[in-house]
Protein backbone atom coordinates (compact mmCIF):
# COMPACT_ATOMS: atom_id res chain seq x y z
CA MET A 1 -134.62 127.63 269.12
CA LYS A 2 -134.71 129.84 266.00
CA LYS A 3 -130.92 130.01 266.08
CA ASN A 4 -130.67 126.20 266.14
CA ILE A 5 -133.09 125.90 263.22
CA PHE A 6 -131.11 128.46 261.20
CA THR A 7 -127.83 126.68 261.99
CA CYS A 8 -129.29 123.36 260.91
CA PHE A 9 -130.68 124.85 257.69
CA LEU A 10 -127.33 126.51 256.95
CA PHE A 11 -125.49 123.22 257.50
CA ILE A 12 -127.84 121.34 255.15
CA THR A 13 -127.52 124.07 252.50
CA LEU A 14 -123.72 124.10 252.68
CA THR A 15 -123.59 120.30 252.55
CA ALA A 16 -125.86 120.20 249.49
CA THR A 17 -123.79 122.89 247.78
CA ALA A 18 -120.56 121.05 248.52
CA GLN A 19 -122.02 117.81 247.16
CA ARG A 20 -123.21 119.55 244.00
CA ASP A 21 -119.76 121.05 243.51
CA LYS A 22 -118.20 117.58 243.74
CA VAL A 23 -120.60 116.18 241.14
CA GLU A 24 -120.02 119.08 238.75
CA LEU A 25 -116.24 118.73 239.14
CA TYR A 26 -116.54 115.01 238.36
CA ILE A 27 -118.61 115.73 235.24
CA LYS A 28 -116.12 118.35 234.08
CA LYS A 29 -113.26 115.90 234.55
CA PHE A 30 -114.80 112.90 232.79
CA ASN A 31 -117.35 114.14 230.22
CA GLU A 32 -114.83 114.03 227.37
CA ILE A 33 -113.90 110.40 227.90
CA ALA A 34 -117.60 109.52 228.25
CA ILE A 35 -118.19 111.13 224.84
CA LYS A 36 -115.24 109.27 223.30
CA GLU A 37 -116.45 105.97 224.73
CA MET A 38 -119.91 106.55 223.28
CA ILE A 39 -118.40 107.14 219.85
CA ARG A 40 -116.28 104.00 220.23
CA THR A 41 -118.86 101.60 221.64
CA GLY A 42 -122.32 103.17 221.63
CA VAL A 43 -122.84 103.40 225.40
CA PRO A 44 -124.66 106.74 225.93
CA ALA A 45 -122.40 109.36 227.53
CA SER A 46 -125.21 110.41 229.88
CA ILE A 47 -125.55 106.86 231.21
CA THR A 48 -121.78 106.45 231.60
CA LEU A 49 -121.47 109.71 233.56
CA ALA A 50 -124.51 109.00 235.75
CA GLN A 51 -123.22 105.53 236.59
CA GLY A 52 -119.76 106.93 237.29
CA ILE A 53 -121.16 109.58 239.65
CA LEU A 54 -123.39 107.09 241.45
CA GLU A 55 -121.03 104.11 241.67
CA SER A 56 -117.92 106.13 242.61
CA GLN A 57 -119.60 108.70 244.85
CA SER A 58 -118.31 111.41 242.48
CA GLY A 59 -114.84 109.85 242.51
CA GLU A 60 -114.49 109.75 246.29
CA SER A 61 -115.46 106.16 247.14
CA GLU A 62 -113.04 103.83 248.89
CA LEU A 63 -113.05 101.54 245.85
CA VAL A 64 -112.01 104.39 243.52
CA LYS A 65 -109.24 105.55 245.84
CA LYS A 66 -107.61 102.14 246.05
CA SER A 67 -108.34 100.71 242.61
CA ASN A 68 -109.54 103.43 240.15
CA ASN A 69 -112.71 101.36 239.76
CA HIS A 70 -115.39 103.96 238.96
CA PHE A 71 -118.21 101.55 238.04
CA GLY A 72 -118.08 98.88 240.71
CA ILE A 73 -117.20 96.18 238.18
CA LYS A 74 -116.40 92.89 239.88
CA CYS A 75 -113.64 90.52 238.76
CA LYS A 76 -115.74 87.89 236.93
CA PRO A 77 -114.05 84.64 235.79
CA GLU A 78 -112.43 86.18 232.68
CA TRP A 79 -110.59 88.96 234.55
CA THR A 80 -106.82 88.32 234.63
CA GLY A 81 -105.70 91.76 235.76
CA PRO A 82 -104.97 93.06 239.28
CA ARG A 83 -107.74 92.81 241.84
CA THR A 84 -108.82 94.08 245.23
CA PHE A 85 -111.39 92.94 247.77
CA HIS A 86 -114.22 95.10 249.01
CA ASN A 87 -117.47 94.66 250.93
CA ASP A 88 -120.48 95.07 248.65
CA ASP A 89 -123.50 92.74 248.34
CA GLU A 90 -121.34 90.27 250.25
CA LYS A 91 -118.26 90.63 252.40
CA GLY A 92 -114.84 90.66 250.71
CA GLU A 93 -115.98 90.55 247.07
CA CYS A 94 -113.42 90.69 244.27
CA PHE A 95 -113.23 93.91 242.23
CA ARG A 96 -111.12 94.89 239.23
CA VAL A 97 -108.15 97.24 239.67
CA TYR A 98 -107.15 99.77 237.00
CA LEU A 99 -104.02 101.87 236.59
CA THR A 100 -106.06 104.93 235.61
CA ALA A 101 -109.64 106.18 235.65
CA GLN A 102 -109.57 106.16 231.85
CA GLU A 103 -108.94 102.39 231.89
CA SER A 104 -111.98 101.99 234.14
CA TYR A 105 -114.15 103.96 231.71
CA LYS A 106 -113.00 101.88 228.75
CA ASP A 107 -113.54 98.61 230.58
CA HIS A 108 -117.05 99.74 231.58
CA SER A 109 -117.89 100.36 227.91
CA ASN A 110 -116.44 96.99 226.86
CA PHE A 111 -118.26 95.28 229.73
CA LEU A 112 -121.64 96.46 228.42
CA ARG A 113 -120.78 96.13 224.74
CA THR A 114 -119.47 92.56 224.84
CA ARG A 115 -122.01 90.75 227.03
CA SER A 116 -125.00 89.23 225.25
CA HIS A 117 -127.51 90.07 228.01
CA TYR A 118 -126.86 93.77 227.37
CA ASP A 119 -127.32 93.49 223.58
CA PHE A 120 -130.92 94.74 223.68
CA LEU A 121 -129.77 98.06 225.13
CA PHE A 122 -127.97 98.99 221.94
CA LYS A 123 -131.24 98.87 220.01
CA ILE A 124 -132.56 101.72 222.18
CA ASP A 125 -132.22 105.35 221.09
CA PRO A 126 -129.13 106.56 223.06
CA THR A 127 -130.93 109.78 223.99
CA ASN A 128 -133.68 107.76 225.72
CA TYR A 129 -131.82 107.60 229.02
CA GLU A 130 -134.84 106.40 231.01
CA ALA A 131 -135.14 103.28 228.84
CA TRP A 132 -131.39 102.70 229.17
CA ALA A 133 -131.51 103.12 232.95
CA ASN A 134 -134.39 100.66 233.26
CA GLY A 135 -132.64 98.29 230.86
CA LEU A 136 -129.49 98.23 232.99
CA LYS A 137 -131.56 97.21 236.00
CA LYS A 138 -133.41 94.58 233.95
CA ALA A 139 -130.10 93.13 232.72
CA GLY A 140 -128.85 92.84 236.29
CA TYR A 141 -126.18 95.54 236.41
CA ALA A 142 -127.22 96.62 239.93
CA THR A 143 -129.26 95.13 242.77
CA GLU A 144 -130.80 98.35 244.17
CA LYS A 145 -134.50 98.57 243.37
CA ASN A 146 -134.36 102.31 242.65
CA TYR A 147 -131.18 102.16 240.56
CA PRO A 148 -132.92 103.42 237.36
CA GLN A 149 -134.51 106.31 239.25
CA GLN A 150 -131.17 107.33 240.72
CA LEU A 151 -129.55 107.41 237.27
CA THR A 152 -132.47 109.29 235.74
CA LYS A 153 -132.43 111.88 238.53
CA LEU A 154 -128.72 112.57 238.02
CA ILE A 155 -129.12 112.87 234.24
CA LYS A 156 -131.99 115.33 234.59
CA GLU A 157 -130.48 117.38 237.42
CA TYR A 158 -127.08 117.79 235.77
CA GLN A 159 -128.33 117.81 232.17
CA LEU A 160 -126.08 114.90 231.22
CA ASN A 161 -128.02 114.15 228.04
CA GLN A 162 -126.21 117.09 226.43
CA TYR A 163 -123.06 114.92 226.33
CA THR A 164 -124.91 112.12 224.54
CA LYS A 165 -126.10 114.63 221.93
CA GLN A 166 -122.57 116.05 221.69
CA ALA A 167 -121.23 112.56 220.94
CA LEU A 168 -123.85 112.09 218.20
CA THR A 169 -122.86 115.42 216.65
CA ASP A 170 -119.16 114.52 216.85
CA MET A 171 -119.88 111.21 215.13
CA ILE A 172 -121.42 113.04 212.21
CA ASN A 173 -118.67 115.63 211.96
CA SER A 174 -115.89 113.04 212.12
CA ASN A 175 -117.68 110.37 210.06
CA ALA A 176 -117.34 107.95 212.98
CA ALA A 177 -120.82 106.38 213.05
CA SER A 178 -119.93 102.75 213.78
CA ILE A 179 -122.14 100.00 212.40
CA ILE A 180 -121.38 98.11 215.60
CA ALA A 181 -122.01 100.98 217.98
CA ILE A 182 -125.06 103.11 217.12
CA PRO A 183 -127.65 102.53 214.40
CA ILE A 184 -127.13 105.07 211.62
CA ALA A 185 -130.84 105.92 211.65
CA THR A 186 -130.50 106.98 215.28
CA VAL A 187 -127.64 109.32 214.47
CA ILE A 188 -129.53 110.89 211.60
CA THR A 189 -132.59 111.44 213.82
CA ASN A 190 -130.53 113.52 216.21
CA ILE A 191 -129.16 115.95 213.62
CA SER A 192 -130.86 119.33 213.49
CA THR A 193 -132.32 120.66 210.23
CA GLU A 194 -129.58 123.24 210.10
CA GLU A 195 -126.88 120.58 210.40
CA LYS A 196 -128.52 118.52 207.65
CA GLU A 197 -128.30 121.51 205.32
CA GLU A 198 -124.61 121.88 206.19
CA GLU A 199 -123.97 118.28 205.12
CA GLU A 200 -124.55 119.28 201.52
CA GLU A 201 -122.33 122.33 201.62
CA VAL A 202 -119.28 121.96 199.40
CA MET A 203 -116.00 123.77 200.03
CA GLU A 204 -113.61 124.34 197.15
CA THR A 205 -109.87 124.01 197.87
CA THR A 206 -106.88 124.53 195.60
CA ASN A 207 -106.32 120.80 195.16
CA SER A 208 -109.67 119.10 195.64
CA THR A 209 -113.32 119.36 196.58
CA ILE A 210 -114.20 118.50 200.20
CA ILE A 211 -117.68 117.64 201.38
CA LYS A 212 -118.36 119.33 204.73
CA ASN A 213 -119.96 117.20 207.49
CA ILE A 214 -120.59 114.14 205.34
CA SER A 215 -123.72 112.30 206.45
CA PRO A 216 -123.46 108.67 207.64
CA LYS A 217 -125.00 107.50 204.37
CA LYS A 218 -121.83 108.69 202.63
CA ILE A 219 -119.32 107.13 205.03
CA SER A 220 -118.64 104.17 202.74
CA ASN A 221 -120.10 102.26 199.84
CA TYR A 222 -120.31 99.12 201.97
CA PRO A 223 -123.54 97.80 203.52
CA ASN A 224 -124.06 98.27 207.26
CA THR A 225 -124.62 94.52 207.68
CA VAL A 226 -122.58 91.36 207.00
CA PHE A 227 -121.81 91.00 203.30
CA ILE A 228 -119.52 88.93 201.05
CA ILE A 229 -116.17 89.71 199.41
CA ASN A 230 -114.55 86.90 197.40
CA GLN A 231 -116.78 84.25 199.07
CA ALA A 232 -115.89 85.37 202.61
CA LYS A 233 -118.16 87.06 205.16
CA VAL A 234 -117.06 90.57 206.08
CA ILE A 235 -118.30 93.75 207.80
CA PHE A 236 -117.22 97.37 207.56
CA VAL A 237 -116.26 98.79 210.95
CA ALA A 238 -115.47 102.31 212.11
CA GLU A 239 -112.24 103.56 213.63
CA GLY A 240 -112.09 103.28 217.41
CA THR A 241 -114.09 100.04 217.64
CA SER A 242 -112.86 97.32 219.99
CA THR A 243 -111.84 94.06 218.29
CA LEU A 244 -113.13 92.22 221.34
CA ALA A 245 -116.51 93.90 220.88
CA ILE A 246 -116.59 92.81 217.24
CA ALA A 247 -115.69 89.22 218.11
CA ASN A 248 -118.31 88.99 220.82
CA GLN A 249 -121.07 90.54 218.76
CA GLN A 250 -120.33 88.32 215.78
CA LYS A 251 -120.05 85.26 218.06
CA ILE A 252 -116.53 84.25 217.09
CA THR A 253 -113.42 84.04 219.23
CA LEU A 254 -111.03 86.98 219.38
CA SER A 255 -108.16 84.71 218.26
CA SER A 256 -110.15 83.66 215.18
CA LEU A 257 -110.91 87.30 214.34
CA MET A 258 -107.20 88.10 214.59
CA GLU A 259 -106.31 85.13 212.39
CA PHE A 260 -108.92 85.86 209.72
CA ASN A 261 -107.72 89.48 209.39
CA GLU A 262 -103.99 88.96 210.03
CA PHE A 263 -104.21 91.41 212.95
CA ARG A 264 -101.39 91.48 215.47
CA ASN A 265 -102.15 92.62 219.01
CA ILE A 266 -104.81 95.07 217.80
CA GLU A 267 -107.26 96.00 220.54
CA ILE A 268 -108.83 99.08 218.94
CA LEU A 269 -109.15 99.70 215.20
CA ASP A 270 -107.07 102.75 214.24
CA GLN A 271 -109.02 103.42 211.05
CA ASP A 272 -112.29 102.58 209.29
CA GLN A 273 -111.78 99.18 207.68
CA LEU A 274 -113.11 95.86 206.48
CA VAL A 275 -113.10 93.07 209.08
CA TYR A 276 -113.48 89.44 207.98
CA LEU A 277 -115.57 86.95 209.96
CA GLU A 278 -114.10 83.89 208.27
CA LYS A 279 -110.92 82.98 206.41
CA LYS A 280 -110.17 84.88 203.23
CA GLN A 281 -109.56 82.97 199.98
CA LYS A 282 -106.12 81.96 198.74
CA LYS A 283 -106.84 83.47 195.31
CA GLY A 284 -108.53 86.66 194.18
CA ILE A 285 -111.42 87.16 191.82
CA ASN A 286 -109.18 89.45 189.75
CA ASP A 287 -105.72 88.55 188.46
CA PHE A 288 -104.07 91.55 190.06
CA HIS A 289 -104.65 94.81 191.93
CA ILE A 290 -103.18 98.16 190.92
CA ALA A 291 -101.93 99.90 194.06
CA LYS A 292 -103.40 103.29 194.90
CA ILE A 293 -102.14 106.06 197.14
CA GLY A 294 -101.95 105.12 200.81
CA GLU A 295 -102.52 101.38 200.28
CA SER A 296 -100.47 98.68 201.99
CA LEU A 297 -100.23 94.97 201.24
CA HIS A 298 -102.51 94.33 204.20
CA SER A 299 -105.15 96.83 203.06
CA ILE A 300 -105.05 95.31 199.56
CA SER A 301 -105.46 91.88 201.12
CA GLN A 302 -108.55 93.11 202.98
CA LEU A 303 -109.98 94.95 199.99
CA GLU A 304 -109.65 91.95 197.66
CA GLY A 305 -110.46 89.23 200.20
CA VAL A 306 -107.18 87.40 199.60
CA ARG A 307 -104.93 86.07 202.35
CA LEU A 308 -101.86 88.20 202.94
CA GLU A 309 -99.57 85.16 202.94
CA SER A 310 -100.80 84.28 199.44
CA ILE A 311 -100.16 87.81 198.14
CA LEU A 312 -96.61 87.69 199.55
CA LEU A 313 -96.04 84.33 197.86
CA TYR A 314 -97.45 85.31 194.44
CA ASN A 315 -95.41 88.52 194.33
CA ASN A 316 -92.25 87.23 196.04
CA LEU A 317 -92.45 90.04 198.60
CA GLN A 318 -91.73 90.54 202.29
CA GLU A 319 -94.50 91.71 204.61
CA ASP A 320 -92.83 95.11 205.18
CA PHE A 321 -92.91 95.95 201.46
CA LYS A 322 -94.69 99.24 200.81
CA PRO A 323 -96.32 99.41 197.37
CA THR A 324 -96.19 102.63 195.42
CA VAL A 325 -98.96 104.01 193.24
CA GLY A 326 -99.28 101.93 190.08
CA ASN A 327 -97.59 98.77 191.40
CA LYS A 328 -99.21 95.60 190.05
CA ILE A 329 -99.94 93.27 192.98
CA TYR A 330 -100.83 89.75 191.82
CA LEU A 331 -103.79 88.04 193.47
CA LYS A 332 -103.24 84.66 191.80
CA PRO A 333 -100.14 82.58 190.99
CA ILE A 334 -98.44 84.17 187.96
CA ASN A 335 -98.19 80.83 186.11
CA ASN A 336 -101.98 80.39 186.41
CA ILE A 337 -102.50 83.87 184.94
CA GLN A 338 -100.11 83.13 182.08
CA ALA A 339 -101.80 79.79 181.35
CA THR A 340 -105.19 81.48 181.21
CA ALA A 341 -103.81 84.15 178.89
CA ASN A 342 -102.34 81.51 176.54
CA LYS A 343 -105.71 79.74 176.31
CA LYS A 344 -107.31 82.97 175.18
């Protein structure tokens, strides 16, 4: 009898250890992408990892093996990609298929970021994982009654909140605090006193002065809300933000966003930049713009709030023209400028 009890205890212990090893291996494999997705969209890394562990059975579920779907995301009407069918709440439900696990992680972030019934989550402190877990249940992400408790238990047991805090730190160090992703006040709250002191440290180099660990307040001179440039509504958005997320949050179509900003097949912003929410003007406030280092015709168009096609017309240029420092780029028809000058 004692031998049977010992054997049973040993089996349970070995099973628990093996399960823990699987979870830890999963976390090790995917924590970096969870951090990157938090920086890009604002979904807490701890929540992403906990959902991934739970929904995918640490990457070993049938759905993961045949479709790389780590979050149990169903097709939904808008899904045009490959699909598979799997028994879940009902028999033979349609699920999304991804080429890689990374695609699944990105789609999970976009799924939460772009749906209006999840908007309230992004007003919650990202380190408050219990509120996030309860919010996901409230918004209808899962049907299990104890879904929030399962997520919370995983986050506590495997200390997943450290990855959320790491993402916040990385956002400060790389100046990537997105006005669409995480409220700047939240990021500041999570910086230690020591890190705040480092923000003010200045390093001298042979060519210039560099501010170390610039705080979010110094990221740009633009407001962190909608503002106006040349009579057009515009926002300032951080590198790595999804254009689809911007369109959905600002309640305009993705095609309109692309048209307003003369974007071509841009899914993720590759740099911090201005993004217009309505058509830019045909003429600028100023007569011309003096090109600075690193500027393109498109960046000048965004900076001045003037349509790119108008700038090309006024300056008799092709779109691939690269201005050099000091080039005068006209923002109004030259004959209008000359007529104004003659009147003076």
